[in-house]
Protein backbone atom coordinates (compact mmCIF):
# COMPACT_ATOMS: atom_id res chain seq x y z
CA MET A 1 123.86 168.02 9.07
CA TYR A 2 126.14 165.03 9.09
CA ARG A 3 125.76 161.47 10.26
CA PHE A 4 127.28 158.01 10.34
CA LEU A 5 125.33 155.59 8.13
CA ALA A 6 125.37 151.83 8.06
CA ARG A 7 123.44 149.45 5.88
CA SER A 8 121.34 148.29 8.80
CA THR A 9 120.00 151.80 9.33
CA GLY A 10 119.20 152.58 5.73
CA GLY A 11 122.53 154.11 4.84
CA LYS A 12 122.03 153.50 1.10
CA SER A 13 118.70 155.29 0.94
CA LEU A 14 120.31 158.70 0.26
CA GLU A 15 123.10 157.78 -2.12
CA GLY A 16 121.78 159.31 -5.35
CA TRP A 17 123.91 160.03 -8.41
CA GLU A 18 127.49 161.21 -8.19
CA ILE A 19 128.05 164.37 -10.23
CA PHE A 20 131.61 165.32 -9.26
CA ARG A 21 134.15 165.20 -6.41
CA ILE A 22 135.48 167.90 -4.12
CA ARG A 23 138.89 167.05 -2.62
CA GLY A 24 138.05 163.40 -3.14
CA ILE A 25 134.59 163.64 -1.55
CA PRO A 26 131.81 162.43 -3.90
CA LEU A 27 128.99 164.95 -4.31
CA ARG A 28 125.72 163.10 -4.92
CA VAL A 29 122.28 164.30 -5.91
CA HIS A 30 119.26 162.34 -4.74
CA PRO A 31 116.26 162.24 -7.13
CA SER A 32 114.15 164.13 -4.55
CA TRP A 33 116.50 167.11 -4.91
CA PHE A 34 115.11 167.93 -8.35
CA LEU A 35 111.63 168.29 -6.85
CA ILE A 36 112.78 170.75 -4.21
CA LEU A 37 114.86 172.61 -6.83
CA VAL A 38 111.67 173.25 -8.83
CA VAL A 39 109.78 174.33 -5.69
CA PHE A 40 112.53 176.75 -4.62
CA THR A 41 112.80 178.11 -8.16
CA TRP A 42 109.09 178.90 -8.12
CA LEU A 43 109.20 180.44 -4.62
CA SER A 44 112.34 182.46 -5.37
CA LYS A 45 110.83 183.74 -8.64
CA GLY A 46 107.91 185.21 -6.74
CA GLN A 47 109.93 186.67 -3.87
CA LEU A 48 112.65 188.23 -6.01
CA THR A 49 110.50 189.89 -8.66
CA THR A 50 107.63 191.22 -6.53
CA ALA A 51 109.60 193.31 -4.04
CA PRO A 52 108.77 197.06 -3.90
CA GLY A 53 110.72 199.24 -6.32
CA LEU A 54 111.50 196.43 -8.77
CA VAL A 55 110.54 196.57 -12.42
CA MET A 56 108.35 193.76 -13.73
CA LEU A 57 110.56 191.28 -15.58
CA PRO A 58 109.60 189.10 -18.53
CA LEU A 59 108.42 185.62 -17.56
CA TRP A 60 111.51 183.81 -18.80
CA GLN A 61 113.81 186.21 -16.94
CA SER A 62 111.91 185.85 -13.66
CA TRP A 63 112.01 182.04 -13.93
CA GLY A 64 115.71 182.18 -14.82
CA LEU A 65 116.42 184.43 -11.85
CA GLY A 66 114.45 182.09 -9.58
CA PHE A 67 116.45 179.12 -10.88
CA ILE A 68 119.77 180.90 -10.24
CA SER A 69 118.60 181.86 -6.75
CA ALA A 70 117.65 178.24 -6.00
CA LEU A 71 121.04 177.01 -7.22
CA LEU A 72 122.81 179.60 -5.05
CA LEU A 73 120.78 178.44 -2.07
CA PHE A 74 121.89 174.85 -2.63
CA LEU A 75 125.44 176.09 -3.10
CA SER A 76 125.08 177.50 0.42
CA VAL A 77 123.84 174.09 1.62
CA LEU A 78 126.83 172.45 -0.06
CA LEU A 79 129.22 174.87 1.67
CA HIS A 80 127.48 174.05 4.96
CA GLU A 81 128.14 170.33 4.41
CA LEU A 82 131.70 170.99 3.29
CA GLY A 83 132.21 172.75 6.63
CA HIS A 84 131.27 169.50 8.38
CA SER A 85 133.36 167.45 5.97
CA PHE A 86 136.63 169.38 6.15
CA VAL A 87 136.57 169.49 9.96
CA ALA A 88 135.75 165.75 10.03
CA ILE A 89 138.75 165.04 7.77
CA ASN A 90 140.89 167.19 10.07
CA GLU A 91 139.70 164.99 12.97
CA GLY A 92 140.83 161.88 11.10
CA VAL A 93 137.38 160.78 9.93
CA LYS A 94 136.85 159.82 6.30
CA VAL A 95 133.86 161.42 4.54
CA ARG A 96 132.06 158.93 2.30
CA SER A 97 129.96 161.46 0.39
CA ILE A 98 127.86 164.61 0.47
CA THR A 99 124.29 164.16 -0.73
CA LEU A 100 121.77 166.87 -1.66
CA PHE A 101 118.19 165.70 -1.19
CA LEU A 102 114.64 166.91 -0.53
CA LEU A 103 115.35 168.42 2.90
CA GLY A 104 118.76 169.94 2.16
CA GLY A 105 122.05 168.09 2.45
CA VAL A 106 123.86 165.50 4.50
CA ALA A 107 127.54 164.60 4.85
CA ASN A 108 127.96 160.85 5.33
CA VAL A 109 131.02 159.88 7.40
CA GLU A 110 132.49 156.38 7.76
CA ARG A 111 132.53 156.54 11.55
CA GLU A 112 131.81 158.82 14.45
CA CYS A 113 134.50 160.83 16.19
CA SER A 114 136.15 159.16 19.17
CA THR A 115 135.83 162.12 21.57
CA PRO A 116 132.91 164.40 22.46
CA MET A 117 134.80 167.59 21.68
CA ALA A 118 135.77 166.34 18.22
CA THR A 119 132.13 165.43 17.63
CA LEU A 120 131.09 168.92 18.74
CA ARG A 121 133.60 170.62 16.45
CA VAL A 122 132.43 168.66 13.40
CA ALA A 123 128.75 169.33 14.19
CA ALA A 124 129.28 173.06 14.83
CA ALA A 125 131.28 173.63 11.64
CA GLY A 126 128.24 173.56 9.33
CA PRO A 127 126.13 176.18 11.17
CA LEU A 128 129.24 178.37 11.55
CA VAL A 129 129.70 178.35 7.77
CA SER A 130 126.02 179.28 7.31
CA PHE A 131 126.31 182.11 9.87
CA PHE A 132 129.40 183.42 8.08
CA LEU A 133 127.61 183.34 4.70
CA ALA A 134 124.58 185.08 6.22
CA ILE A 135 126.75 187.91 7.60
CA ILE A 136 128.62 188.40 4.29
CA LEU A 137 125.44 188.34 2.19
CA LEU A 138 123.41 190.63 4.47
CA LYS A 139 126.27 193.11 4.67
CA GLY A 140 126.36 193.15 0.89
CA VAL A 141 122.70 194.22 0.65
CA GLN A 142 123.40 197.88 1.46
CA ALA A 143 126.32 198.07 -0.97
CA ALA A 144 124.27 196.47 -3.75
CA SER A 145 121.08 198.50 -3.21
CA GLY A 146 122.58 201.62 -4.82
CA TYR A 147 123.79 199.58 -7.77
CA SER A 148 120.95 197.14 -8.40
CA PRO A 149 117.80 196.70 -6.26
CA LEU A 150 117.33 193.26 -7.84
CA LEU A 151 120.82 192.15 -6.73
CA ALA A 152 120.23 193.62 -3.27
CA ASN A 153 116.99 191.65 -3.00
CA LEU A 154 118.76 188.47 -4.09
CA LEU A 155 121.54 188.93 -1.51
CA GLY A 156 118.98 189.72 1.18
CA GLN A 157 116.98 186.57 0.41
CA LEU A 158 120.07 184.33 0.37
CA GLY A 159 121.44 185.93 3.55
CA SER A 160 118.16 185.40 5.39
CA LEU A 161 117.89 181.80 4.20
CA ASN A 162 121.45 181.06 5.38
CA LEU A 163 120.61 182.54 8.75
CA ILE A 164 117.49 180.35 8.94
CA LEU A 165 119.55 177.34 7.84
CA ALA A 166 122.06 177.94 10.64
CA LEU A 167 119.42 178.52 13.34
CA PHE A 168 117.27 175.58 12.23
CA ASN A 169 120.22 173.18 12.26
CA LEU A 170 121.08 174.28 15.80
CA LEU A 171 117.77 173.00 17.18
CA PRO A 172 118.76 170.52 19.94
CA GLY A 173 117.51 167.24 18.50
CA LEU A 174 118.93 164.46 16.36
CA PRO A 175 119.55 164.26 13.43
CA LEU A 176 120.15 168.04 13.34
CA ASP A 177 123.55 169.52 14.10
CA GLY A 178 122.18 170.95 17.34
CA GLY A 179 121.20 167.44 18.39
CA ILE A 180 124.73 166.19 17.74
CA ILE A 181 126.11 169.15 19.73
CA LEU A 182 123.71 168.29 22.58
CA LYS A 183 124.85 164.65 22.42
CA ALA A 184 128.50 165.73 22.55
CA LEU A 185 127.90 168.03 25.55
CA VAL A 186 126.05 165.36 27.54
CA TRP A 187 128.74 162.84 26.55
CA HIS A 188 131.45 165.24 27.75
CA LEU A 189 129.71 165.99 31.06
CA THR A 190 128.63 162.44 31.93
CA GLY A 191 131.40 160.46 30.23
CA SER A 192 128.73 158.29 28.59
CA GLN A 193 128.19 158.44 24.84
CA ARG A 194 125.06 156.32 25.21
CA LYS A 195 123.58 158.88 27.61
CA GLY A 196 124.32 161.63 25.10
CA VAL A 197 122.61 159.70 22.30
CA GLN A 198 119.57 158.99 24.48
CA VAL A 199 119.13 162.63 25.52
CA ALA A 200 119.60 163.97 21.98
CA THR A 201 117.31 161.31 20.48
CA ASN A 202 114.52 162.05 22.98
CA SER A 203 114.91 165.76 22.34
CA GLY A 204 114.74 165.17 18.58
CA ARG A 205 111.62 163.05 18.98
CA CYS A 206 109.91 165.84 20.97
CA LEU A 207 110.82 168.41 18.30
CA ALA A 208 109.54 166.08 15.58
CA PHE A 209 106.18 165.59 17.27
CA PHE A 210 105.90 169.35 17.84
CA SER A 211 106.71 170.05 14.18
CA ILE A 212 104.15 167.52 12.94
CA GLY A 213 101.51 168.67 15.42
CA TYR A 214 101.97 172.37 14.76
CA GLY A 215 102.05 171.81 11.02
CA ALA A 216 98.86 169.72 11.11
CA PHE A 217 97.12 172.32 13.31
CA SER A 218 98.11 175.14 10.95
CA LEU A 219 96.94 173.11 7.98
CA LEU A 220 93.56 172.36 9.54
CA ALA A 221 93.18 176.00 10.56
CA LYS A 222 93.86 176.92 6.91
CA ASN A 223 96.51 179.48 7.78
CA GLY A 224 99.65 177.42 7.24
CA GLY A 225 99.75 176.74 3.50
CA TYR A 226 102.96 175.27 2.14
CA GLY A 227 104.80 176.15 5.35
CA ALA A 228 102.56 173.77 7.32
CA LEU A 229 103.19 170.95 4.86
CA TRP A 230 106.91 171.64 5.09
CA LEU A 231 106.79 171.43 8.90
CA ILE A 232 104.99 168.08 8.71
CA LEU A 233 107.53 166.76 6.21
CA ILE A 234 110.48 167.88 8.35
CA GLY A 235 108.88 166.39 11.46
CA TRP A 236 108.28 163.09 9.69
CA PHE A 237 111.91 162.95 8.55
CA ALA A 238 113.18 163.80 12.05
CA LEU A 239 110.91 161.13 13.57
CA ALA A 240 112.22 158.51 11.12
CA ALA A 241 115.82 159.53 11.88
CA SER A 242 115.10 159.39 15.62
CA ARG A 243 113.65 155.89 15.23
CA SER A 244 116.71 154.84 13.24
CA GLN A 245 119.02 156.21 15.94
CA THR A 246 117.04 154.39 18.63
CA GLN A 247 117.32 151.13 16.67
CA MET A 248 121.07 151.64 16.33
CA LEU A 249 121.40 152.27 20.07
CA THR A 250 119.34 149.15 20.84
CA LEU A 251 121.52 147.14 18.49
CA GLN A 252 124.70 148.43 20.14
CA ASN A 253 123.30 147.61 23.59
CA SER A 254 122.52 144.07 22.40
CA LEU A 255 126.10 143.55 21.23
CA THR A 256 127.51 144.63 24.60
CA GLU A 257 124.97 142.84 26.80
CA LEU A 258 124.71 139.51 24.97
CA ARG A 259 127.40 136.93 25.71
CA VAL A 260 128.83 134.28 23.43
CA GLU A 261 127.26 131.55 25.58
CA LYS A 262 123.80 132.77 24.48
CA ALA A 263 124.64 132.45 20.80
CA PHE A 264 127.08 129.64 20.04
CA GLY A 265 126.22 126.31 18.44
CA ARG A 266 128.10 123.05 18.15
CA ARG A 267 129.20 122.80 14.56
CA PHE A 268 132.21 120.53 14.89
CA ARG A 269 132.80 116.77 14.63
CA VAL A 270 134.89 114.64 16.99
CA LEU A 271 137.15 111.70 16.09
CA GLU A 272 139.64 109.64 18.09
CA GLU A 273 143.30 110.05 17.17
CA ASP A 274 143.77 106.31 16.52
CA GLN A 275 141.22 106.36 13.67
CA THR A 276 142.34 106.36 10.06
CA LEU A 277 142.02 108.91 7.30
CA ARG A 278 139.30 106.66 5.83
CA LYS A 279 137.12 107.54 8.81
CA LEU A 280 137.68 111.24 8.15
CA SER A 281 136.70 110.70 4.52
CA LYS A 282 133.47 108.90 5.49
CA LEU A 283 132.63 111.68 7.93
CA ARG A 284 133.03 114.28 5.20
CA LEU A 285 130.87 112.27 2.78
CA SER A 286 128.09 112.12 5.37
CA SER A 287 128.15 115.92 5.84
CA SER A 288 126.13 118.40 3.79
CA ASN A 289 127.95 119.63 0.70
CA GLU A 290 125.87 122.79 0.50
CA GLU A 291 127.68 124.71 3.20
CA LEU A 292 130.41 127.09 2.16
CA VAL A 293 132.68 126.15 5.08
CA PRO A 294 132.87 122.50 6.29
CA GLU A 295 132.70 121.76 10.00
CA TRP A 296 135.90 121.53 12.01
CA VAL A 297 137.04 118.04 13.03
CA LEU A 298 138.43 117.96 16.57
CA VAL A 299 140.51 115.02 17.77
CA CYS A 300 140.38 113.29 21.18
CA ASN A 301 142.47 110.70 22.97
CA ALA A 302 140.46 108.80 25.62
CA GLY A 303 138.23 111.84 26.23
CA ARG A 304 141.10 114.35 26.24
CA TRP A 305 141.24 117.03 23.58
CA VAL A 306 144.48 116.80 21.62
CA GLY A 307 143.92 119.00 18.56
CA TYR A 308 142.19 119.09 15.19
CA VAL A 309 142.72 117.83 11.65
CA THR A 310 142.06 119.35 8.24
CA ASP A 311 141.11 117.71 4.95
CA GLN A 312 144.55 118.36 3.49
CA PRO A 313 145.84 114.78 4.06
CA LEU A 314 142.91 113.46 1.99
CA LYS A 315 144.06 115.69 -0.86
CA ASP A 316 147.75 114.86 -0.52
CA LEU A 317 147.52 111.06 -0.21
CA PRO A 318 146.11 108.59 -2.77
CA VAL A 319 142.90 106.85 -1.69
CA GLN A 320 144.61 103.45 -1.28
CA TYR A 321 146.78 104.82 1.55
CA TRP A 322 143.96 106.25 3.65
CA ASP A 323 143.59 103.02 5.68
CA GLN A 324 147.30 103.00 6.50
CA HIS A 325 147.54 106.46 8.04
CA LEU A 326 146.13 107.49 11.42
CA LEU A 327 144.74 110.90 12.36
CA SER A 328 147.42 111.21 15.05
CA GLU A 329 149.98 111.80 12.28
CA TYR A 330 148.24 114.97 11.12
CA ILE A 331 147.00 116.59 14.34
CA LYS A 332 147.35 120.35 14.66
CA PRO A 333 147.08 122.23 18.00
CA LEU A 334 143.73 123.79 18.91
CA SER A 335 145.53 127.07 19.61
CA GLU A 336 145.82 127.57 15.83
CA LEU A 337 142.04 127.95 15.53
CA PRO A 338 140.48 131.38 16.09
CA SER A 339 138.75 131.17 19.46
CA ILE A 340 136.85 133.05 22.13
CA ALA A 341 135.65 132.40 25.68
CA GLN A 342 131.94 131.86 26.14
CA ASN A 343 131.63 134.73 28.65
CA GLU A 344 132.84 137.39 26.17
CA PRO A 345 130.40 139.94 24.66
CA LEU A 346 129.18 139.44 21.11
CA TRP A 347 130.80 142.60 19.76
CA LYS A 348 134.22 141.07 20.47
CA ALA A 349 133.13 137.86 18.76
CA ILE A 350 132.13 139.79 15.63
CA LYS A 351 135.50 141.54 15.57
CA LEU A 352 137.31 138.19 15.77
CA ILE A 353 134.99 136.48 13.27
CA GLU A 354 135.64 139.18 10.68
CA GLY A 355 139.37 138.84 11.27
CA SER A 356 139.37 135.06 10.84
CA LYS A 357 139.89 133.26 7.57
CA GLU A 358 136.81 131.02 7.79
CA GLY A 359 134.49 133.48 9.49
CA ARG A 360 133.89 131.44 12.67
CA LEU A 361 135.32 130.82 16.12
CA LEU A 362 135.90 127.87 18.45
CA VAL A 363 134.21 128.58 21.78
CA PHE A 364 135.92 127.58 25.03
CA ASN A 365 134.13 127.18 28.36
CA SER A 366 135.37 128.44 31.74
CA ALA A 367 137.51 125.31 32.13
CA GLY A 368 139.34 126.06 28.88
CA LEU A 369 137.72 123.18 26.97
CA PRO A 370 135.96 123.38 23.57
CA SER A 371 132.21 123.74 24.04
CA GLY A 372 131.00 124.87 20.63
CA THR A 373 131.47 127.10 17.62
CA LEU A 374 130.27 130.57 16.73
CA ASP A 375 129.76 131.90 13.21
CA ARG A 376 128.00 134.82 11.53
CA ILE A 377 124.67 133.03 11.46
CA ASP A 378 124.79 132.19 15.17
CA VAL A 379 125.57 135.82 16.04
CA GLY A 380 122.88 137.23 13.75
CA LYS A 381 120.24 134.83 15.10
CA ALA A 382 121.02 135.71 18.71
CA VAL A 383 120.91 139.46 18.06
CA LEU A 384 117.68 139.32 16.07
CA LEU A 385 116.06 137.09 18.70
CA HIS A 386 117.12 139.55 21.40
CA LEU A 387 115.42 142.30 19.38
CA GLY A 388 112.25 140.20 19.05
CA PHE A 389 112.74 138.78 15.54
CA ARG A 390 112.82 135.07 14.77
CA ILE A 391 114.10 134.26 11.28
CA PRO A 392 112.59 131.36 9.27
CA SER A 393 114.66 128.17 9.05
CA SER A 394 114.89 128.50 5.26
CA MET A 395 116.42 131.98 5.60
CA GLU A 396 118.82 130.70 8.25
CA GLN A 397 119.95 127.86 6.02
CA SER A 398 120.43 130.20 3.08
CA ALA A 399 122.63 132.48 5.21
CA ARG A 400 124.56 129.48 6.53
CA ASN A 401 125.24 128.19 3.05
CA LYS A 402 126.68 131.59 2.15
CA ASN A 403 128.35 132.18 5.54
CA THR A 404 126.73 135.63 5.86
CA TYR A 405 124.77 137.44 8.56
CA PRO A 406 120.99 136.81 8.35
CA LEU A 407 119.09 139.60 6.55
CA ASP A 408 122.51 141.08 5.66
CA ILE A 409 122.43 142.93 8.98
CA ALA A 410 125.52 145.17 9.08
CA LEU A 411 126.94 144.04 12.43
CA PRO A 412 130.64 144.52 11.50
CA GLN A 413 129.99 148.16 10.58
CA VAL A 414 128.13 148.70 13.87
CA VAL A 415 131.03 147.21 15.86
CA GLU A 416 133.50 149.33 13.89
CA SER A 417 131.50 152.42 14.81
CA MET A 418 131.35 151.38 18.48
CA ILE A 419 135.13 150.94 18.61
CA SER A 420 136.04 154.08 16.66
CA SER A 421 133.70 156.26 18.74
CA GLY A 422 135.10 154.93 22.00
CA MET A 423 131.83 153.29 23.05
CA VAL A 424 133.82 150.11 23.63
CA GLU A 425 137.55 149.61 23.86
CA SER A 426 139.24 147.49 21.22
CA GLU A 427 141.66 145.03 22.75
CA GLY A 428 143.14 143.86 19.45
CA THR A 429 144.14 140.21 19.29
CA PHE A 430 143.84 138.39 22.60
CA ASP A 431 143.78 134.88 24.00
CA SER A 432 140.18 134.50 25.07
CA ARG A 433 140.88 131.41 27.16
CA GLN A 434 142.89 133.28 29.75
């Protein structure tokens, strides 16, 4: 399987240790992989050495053969993920890593494909590789049986497992490849990526509940054994992935539905243009020194906005000259400040905030006049409140002092994914006051 991961959805939870790179793609091994390697070694040892017609092998040889078989199985999983990865690269999508873990493997991509058919091709590549391996290995059984029954048994086991791997991954529910294919098909037919995600997520949730329920029933009936536990574990993982996908979709909906007017604050000061630099100095001294970025100072003339001033004149001029120079001498136009209209969606605001030097925007009302400011903390608070979370004031202040999103929520990565996948259209740089 493959998926787009962001920090907000637990993207770092499957990083593991990097062991080498394949065409620049880091191959990582999660600690849970060693557990499943031992389990598969034990299962393979029993299946390979107890088949009819095989001679009993010494203990160390049977364990060694089981270990080799388990490694070959995970080589098949790696080839499955490389199938996803190479097609993704061909579609212009960067692959961050391939990780082997308890339930197999996952290829982590930096973004989703921008079209449904590209998404389908990437998702289908893995199962196609597994089907191809299954055909090659199963065809080799007959040729190997006359030479070595043990080798024939090994090829038969690996071929069957690759066939199971391909069929299992084609089940129509996220996060499996079949779920991504279902999402792509619904997206293609309806023109709505969100609809595709919703259908595939609901399908994945149903499959997860069935897997957990059937596994629990088999376990209670005492006829399931390790297979029942495996079904429960797979169902639990699929349910967690489905919940993560639902959270991501809810987050994306929030960023398109919420408007700047629901989030912005008023973090700027106002001075008249006939005031001196001394007044600007006193204003700065009265402000908090803890914040990473000082508030903007906007300048008026009899109630009319004329521009803004920076602290640069205070640095350039000696203190004794501050009373002799007026703010009007150092006014800069408001158009130089990064800005946005208050009726724009928050995803656009995040894009502009991340592209600005200070990480904040000046908000203009419908009349084209300054009405407030918007920074990372304002955006994060509004999104979290929309999702039902209210952050403590101490946490808000800490984030404001660092000029970061509260709880380190990965909103820029989410917006990047929305743009790259075509969920929203990027308009580049624009004048939000028009």
